[in-house]
Amino acid sequence: MSSQLLAIGSIRARLVLGFAVLLGLLFAVAAVPRPRLEELAARTRDIVDRQAQLAILSQRANQHSQAAAIGLLNLMQTAEREARVPLYAAMDAELAAADSAVAGLEMAMLTPALRADVERLTDLRRRYSELFQTTVELIEIEGSAPARRHFEDR
């Protein structure tokens, strides 16, 4: 009977030891991927943050360009030169802010596809500025009617 108890105790000890080893291996396996999961989560956050930053810069460029265009429409409706002066200052500030946002996009580390889009945006922004300046000059030189025609044609 004592040999049976010894055998049972030995089996129990072996089972406890085996279970402990199994749990140890399970914890070791679970601990190895954790740094990798944390690294993956960090990289994912970086990508999302970068995409959000690009979206915000794009929105800023768009909003400031729209505000400048609205300012130009207000200029074409304002007959007196003195009343147009503060509108010019507001337009210049909006255009500078739009240019700043576009410059931020140009400086960002972009994929080739996005880089091509930003280059196209930069080119469009340059052409927009030229047409914008021509319209402003027409307002001052020839008046609102020719400037309005130029604005509508372009």
C-alpha atoms as a PDB file:
ATOM      1  CA  MET A   1       0.000   0.000   0.000  1.00  0.00           C
ATOM      2  CA  SER A   2       2.842   2.388   0.732  1.00  0.00           C
ATOM      3  CA  SER A   3       4.201   1.732  -2.753  1.00  0.00           C
ATOM      4  CA  GLN A   4       0.803   2.679  -4.166  1.00  0.00           C
ATOM      5  CA  LEU A   5       0.822   5.939  -2.189  1.00  0.00           C
ATOM      6  CA  LEU A   6       4.356   6.589  -3.309  1.00  0.00           C
ATOM      7  CA  ALA A   7       3.328   5.980  -6.927  1.00  0.00           C
ATOM      8  CA  ILE A   8       0.293   8.267  -6.554  1.00  0.00           C
ATOM      9  CA  GLY A   9       2.464  10.961  -4.959  1.00  0.00           C
ATOM     10  CA  SER A  10       4.979  10.537  -7.724  1.00  0.00           C
ATOM     11  CA  ILE A  11       2.281  10.837 -10.395  1.00  0.00           C
ATOM     12  CA  ARG A  12       0.849  13.904  -8.653  1.00  0.00           C
ATOM     13  CA  ALA A  13       4.306  15.487  -8.497  1.00  0.00           C
ATOM     14  CA  ARG A  14       4.891  14.684 -12.148  1.00  0.00           C
ATOM     15  CA  LEU A  15       1.519  16.140 -13.135  1.00  0.00           C
ATOM     16  CA  VAL A  16       2.115  19.313 -11.104  1.00  0.00           C
ATOM     17  CA  LEU A  17       5.595  19.657 -12.559  1.00  0.00           C
ATOM     18  CA  GLY A  18       4.310  19.029 -16.104  1.00  0.00           C
ATOM     19  CA  PHE A  19       1.487  21.530 -15.653  1.00  0.00           C
ATOM     20  CA  ALA A  20       3.918  24.111 -14.251  1.00  0.00           C
ATOM     21  CA  VAL A  21       6.250  23.625 -17.217  1.00  0.00           C
ATOM     22  CA  LEU A  22       3.297  23.907 -19.612  1.00  0.00           C
ATOM     23  CA  LEU A  23       2.153  27.165 -17.960  1.00  0.00           C
ATOM     24  CA  GLY A  24       5.708  28.497 -18.053  1.00  0.00           C
ATOM     25  CA  LEU A  25       5.958  27.779 -21.767  1.00  0.00           C
ATOM     26  CA  LEU A  26       2.554  29.365 -22.365  1.00  0.00           C
ATOM     27  CA  PHE A  27       3.623  32.558 -20.570  1.00  0.00           C
ATOM     28  CA  ALA A  28       6.926  32.579 -22.462  1.00  0.00           C
ATOM     29  CA  VAL A  29       5.113  32.254 -25.798  1.00  0.00           C
ATOM     30  CA  ALA A  30       2.656  34.986 -24.796  1.00  0.00           C
ATOM     31  CA  ALA A  31       5.469  37.326 -23.711  1.00  0.00           C
ATOM     32  CA  VAL A  32       7.461  37.069 -26.946  1.00  0.00           C
ATOM     33  CA  PRO A  33       4.846  38.609 -29.275  1.00  0.00           C
ATOM     34  CA  ARG A  34       3.985  41.416 -26.854  1.00  0.00           C
ATOM     35  CA  PRO A  35       6.935  43.651 -27.841  1.00  0.00           C
ATOM     36  CA  ARG A  36       6.118  42.980 -31.471  1.00  0.00           C
ATOM     37  CA  LEU A  37       2.468  43.839 -30.911  1.00  0.00           C
ATOM     38  CA  GLU A  38       3.477  47.030 -29.131  1.00  0.00           C
ATOM     39  CA  GLU A  39       5.798  47.906 -32.026  1.00  0.00           C
ATOM     40  CA  LEU A  40       3.002  47.211 -34.515  1.00  0.00           C
ATOM     41  CA  ALA A  41       0.598  49.372 -32.519  1.00  0.00           C
ATOM     42  CA  ALA A  42       3.158  52.203 -32.382  1.00  0.00           C
ATOM     43  CA  ARG A  43       3.757  52.060 -36.123  1.00  0.00           C
ATOM     44  CA  THR A  44       0.024  52.001 -36.784  1.00  0.00           C
ATOM     45  CA  ARG A  45      -0.417  55.091 -34.585  1.00  0.00           C
ATOM     46  CA  ASP A  46       2.387  56.836 -36.496  1.00  0.00           C
ATOM     47  CA  ILE A  47       0.739  56.068 -39.830  1.00  0.00           C
ATOM     48  CA  VAL A  48      -2.660  57.240 -38.635  1.00  0.00           C
ATOM     49  CA  ASP A  49      -1.169  60.410 -37.119  1.00  0.00           C
ATOM     50  CA  ARG A  50       0.691  61.149 -40.358  1.00  0.00           C
ATOM     51  CA  GLN A  51      -2.423  60.617 -42.454  1.00  0.00           C
ATOM     52  CA  ALA A  52      -4.401  62.861 -40.119  1.00  0.00           C
ATOM     53  CA  GLN A  53      -1.730  65.550 -40.387  1.00  0.00           C
ATOM     54  CA  LEU A  54      -1.831  65.377 -44.187  1.00  0.00           C
ATOM     55  CA  ALA A  55      -5.624  65.576 -44.164  1.00  0.00           C
ATOM     56  CA  ILE A  56      -5.537  68.623 -41.875  1.00  0.00           C
ATOM     57  CA  LEU A  57      -2.970  70.388 -44.073  1.00  0.00           C
ATOM     58  CA  SER A  58      -5.072  69.638 -47.159  1.00  0.00           C
ATOM     59  CA  GLN A  59      -8.193  70.982 -45.470  1.00  0.00           C
ATOM     60  CA  ARG A  60      -6.375  74.127 -44.365  1.00  0.00           C
ATOM     61  CA  ALA A  61      -5.104  74.793 -47.884  1.00  0.00           C
ATOM     62  CA  ASN A  62      -8.606  74.323 -49.250  1.00  0.00           C
ATOM     63  CA  GLN A  63     -10.322  76.471 -46.609  1.00  0.00           C
ATOM     64  CA  HIS A  64      -7.859  79.346 -46.939  1.00  0.00           C
ATOM     65  CA  SER A  65      -8.045  79.248 -50.744  1.00  0.00           C
ATOM     66  CA  GLN A  66     -11.824  79.377 -50.553  1.00  0.00           C
ATOM     67  CA  ALA A  67     -11.691  82.281 -48.102  1.00  0.00           C
ATOM     68  CA  ALA A  68      -9.333  84.154 -50.439  1.00  0.00           C
ATOM     69  CA  ALA A  69     -11.677  83.517 -53.375  1.00  0.00           C
ATOM     70  CA  ILE A  70     -14.586  84.878 -51.345  1.00  0.00           C
ATOM     71  CA  GLY A  71     -12.436  87.903 -50.564  1.00  0.00           C
ATOM     72  CA  LEU A  72     -11.799  88.374 -54.275  1.00  0.00           C
ATOM     73  CA  LEU A  73     -15.545  88.259 -54.952  1.00  0.00           C
ATOM     74  CA  ASN A  74     -16.008  90.895 -52.256  1.00  0.00           C
ATOM     75  CA  LEU A  75     -13.317  93.008 -53.927  1.00  0.00           C
ATOM     76  CA  MET A  76     -15.148  92.873 -57.240  1.00  0.00           C
ATOM     77  CA  GLN A  77     -18.276  94.142 -55.506  1.00  0.00           C
ATOM     78  CA  THR A  78     -16.545  96.990 -53.671  1.00  0.00           C
ATOM     79  CA  ALA A  79     -16.352 100.153 -55.747  1.00  0.00           C
ATOM     80  CA  GLU A  80     -14.265 102.396 -53.471  1.00  0.00           C
ATOM     81  CA  ARG A  81     -10.515 101.867 -53.268  1.00  0.00           C
ATOM     82  CA  GLU A  82     -10.390 102.745 -49.561  1.00  0.00           C
ATOM     83  CA  ALA A  83     -12.944 100.048 -48.786  1.00  0.00           C
ATOM     84  CA  ARG A  84     -10.897  97.471 -50.756  1.00  0.00           C
ATOM     85  CA  VAL A  85      -7.655  98.004 -48.794  1.00  0.00           C
ATOM     86  CA  PRO A  86      -8.696  95.922 -45.741  1.00  0.00           C
ATOM     87  CA  LEU A  87     -10.045  93.251 -48.099  1.00  0.00           C
ATOM     88  CA  TYR A  88      -6.604  93.003 -49.726  1.00  0.00           C
ATOM     89  CA  ALA A  89      -4.978  92.485 -46.334  1.00  0.00           C
ATOM     90  CA  ALA A  90      -7.443  89.715 -45.451  1.00  0.00           C
ATOM     91  CA  MET A  91      -6.950  88.042 -48.852  1.00  0.00           C
ATOM     92  CA  ASP A  92      -3.173  88.202 -48.536  1.00  0.00           C
ATOM     93  CA  ALA A  93      -3.378  86.559 -45.104  1.00  0.00           C
ATOM     94  CA  GLU A  94      -5.609  83.779 -46.449  1.00  0.00           C
ATOM     95  CA  LEU A  95      -3.345  83.162 -49.440  1.00  0.00           C
ATOM     96  CA  ALA A  96      -0.261  83.079 -47.192  1.00  0.00           C
ATOM     97  CA  ALA A  97      -1.970  80.540 -44.918  1.00  0.00           C
ATOM     98  CA  ALA A  98      -2.935  78.407 -47.933  1.00  0.00           C
ATOM     99  CA  ASP A  99       0.640  78.567 -49.231  1.00  0.00           C
ATOM    100  CA  SER A 100       1.925  77.559 -45.796  1.00  0.00           C
ATOM    101  CA  ALA A 101      -0.353  74.511 -45.736  1.00  0.00           C
ATOM    102  CA  VAL A 102       0.740  73.498 -49.250  1.00  0.00           C
ATOM    103  CA  ALA A 103       4.391  73.939 -48.221  1.00  0.00           C
ATOM    104  CA  GLY A 104       3.723  71.638 -45.258  1.00  0.00           C
ATOM    105  CA  LEU A 105       2.368  69.031 -47.652  1.00  0.00           C
ATOM    106  CA  GLU A 106       5.429  69.399 -49.867  1.00  0.00           C
ATOM    107  CA  MET A 107       7.745  68.815 -46.912  1.00  0.00           C
ATOM    108  CA  ALA A 108       5.939  65.693 -45.709  1.00  0.00           C
ATOM    109  CA  MET A 109       7.383  62.280 -46.453  1.00  0.00           C
ATOM    110  CA  LEU A 110       4.927  61.093 -49.079  1.00  0.00           C
ATOM    111  CA  THR A 111       4.420  58.023 -51.161  1.00  0.00           C
ATOM    112  CA  PRO A 112       5.134  58.514 -54.877  1.00  0.00           C
ATOM    113  CA  ALA A 113       1.407  58.676 -55.664  1.00  0.00           C
ATOM    114  CA  LEU A 114       0.778  61.331 -53.013  1.00  0.00           C
ATOM    115  CA  ARG A 115       3.896  63.237 -54.071  1.00  0.00           C
ATOM    116  CA  ALA A 116       2.485  63.443 -57.610  1.00  0.00           C
ATOM    117  CA  ASP A 117      -0.816  64.764 -56.217  1.00  0.00           C
ATOM    118  CA  VAL A 118       0.984  67.387 -54.128  1.00  0.00           C
ATOM    119  CA  GLU A 119       3.081  68.454 -57.139  1.00  0.00           C
ATOM    120  CA  ARG A 120      -0.133  68.841 -59.138  1.00  0.00           C
ATOM    121  CA  LEU A 121      -1.659  70.827 -56.269  1.00  0.00           C
ATOM    122  CA  THR A 122       1.421  73.060 -56.134  1.00  0.00           C
ATOM    123  CA  ASP A 123       1.201  73.699 -59.864  1.00  0.00           C
ATOM    124  CA  LEU A 124      -2.518  74.486 -59.631  1.00  0.00           C
ATOM    125  CA  ARG A 125      -1.859  76.764 -56.656  1.00  0.00           C
ATOM    126  CA  ARG A 126       0.799  78.653 -58.653  1.00  0.00           C
ATOM    127  CA  ARG A 127      -1.544  79.102 -61.640  1.00  0.00           C
ATOM    128  CA  TYR A 128      -4.358  80.129 -59.292  1.00  0.00           C
ATOM    129  CA  SER A 129      -2.104  82.819 -57.784  1.00  0.00           C
ATOM    130  CA  GLU A 130      -1.235  84.176 -61.215  1.00  0.00           C
ATOM    131  CA  LEU A 131      -4.890  84.390 -62.275  1.00  0.00           C
ATOM    132  CA  PHE A 132      -5.801  85.813 -58.890  1.00  0.00           C
ATOM    133  CA  GLN A 133      -3.178  88.555 -59.254  1.00  0.00           C
ATOM    134  CA  THR A 134      -4.343  89.358 -62.782  1.00  0.00           C
ATOM    135  CA  THR A 135      -7.931  89.696 -61.529  1.00  0.00           C
ATOM    136  CA  VAL A 136      -6.823  92.024 -58.724  1.00  0.00           C
ATOM    137  CA  GLU A 137      -4.853  94.170 -61.195  1.00  0.00           C
ATOM    138  CA  LEU A 138      -7.893  94.365 -63.473  1.00  0.00           C
ATOM    139  CA  ILE A 139     -10.005  95.565 -60.533  1.00  0.00           C
ATOM    140  CA  GLU A 140      -7.569  98.399 -59.859  1.00  0.00           C
ATOM    141  CA  ILE A 141      -6.815  99.339 -63.479  1.00  0.00           C
ATOM    142  CA  GLU A 142     -10.004  98.698 -65.449  1.00  0.00           C
ATOM    143  CA  GLY A 143     -12.665  98.286 -62.787  1.00  0.00           C
ATOM    144  CA  SER A 144     -14.890  95.521 -61.513  1.00  0.00           C
ATOM    145  CA  ALA A 145     -16.703  94.574 -64.731  1.00  0.00           C
ATOM    146  CA  PRO A 146     -13.606  93.452 -66.718  1.00  0.00           C
ATOM    147  CA  ALA A 147     -12.225  91.768 -63.588  1.00  0.00           C
ATOM    148  CA  ARG A 148     -15.502  89.892 -63.105  1.00  0.00           C
ATOM    149  CA  ARG A 149     -15.436  88.717 -66.749  1.00  0.00           C
ATOM    150  CA  HIS A 150     -11.823  87.569 -66.330  1.00  0.00           C
ATOM    151  CA  PHE A 151     -12.696  85.760 -63.097  1.00  0.00           C
ATOM    152  CA  GLU A 152     -15.707  84.012 -64.662  1.00  0.00           C
ATOM    153  CA  ASP A 153     -13.745  83.015 -67.802  1.00  0.00           C
ATOM    154  CA  ARG A 154     -10.908  81.477 -65.841  1.00  0.00           C
END
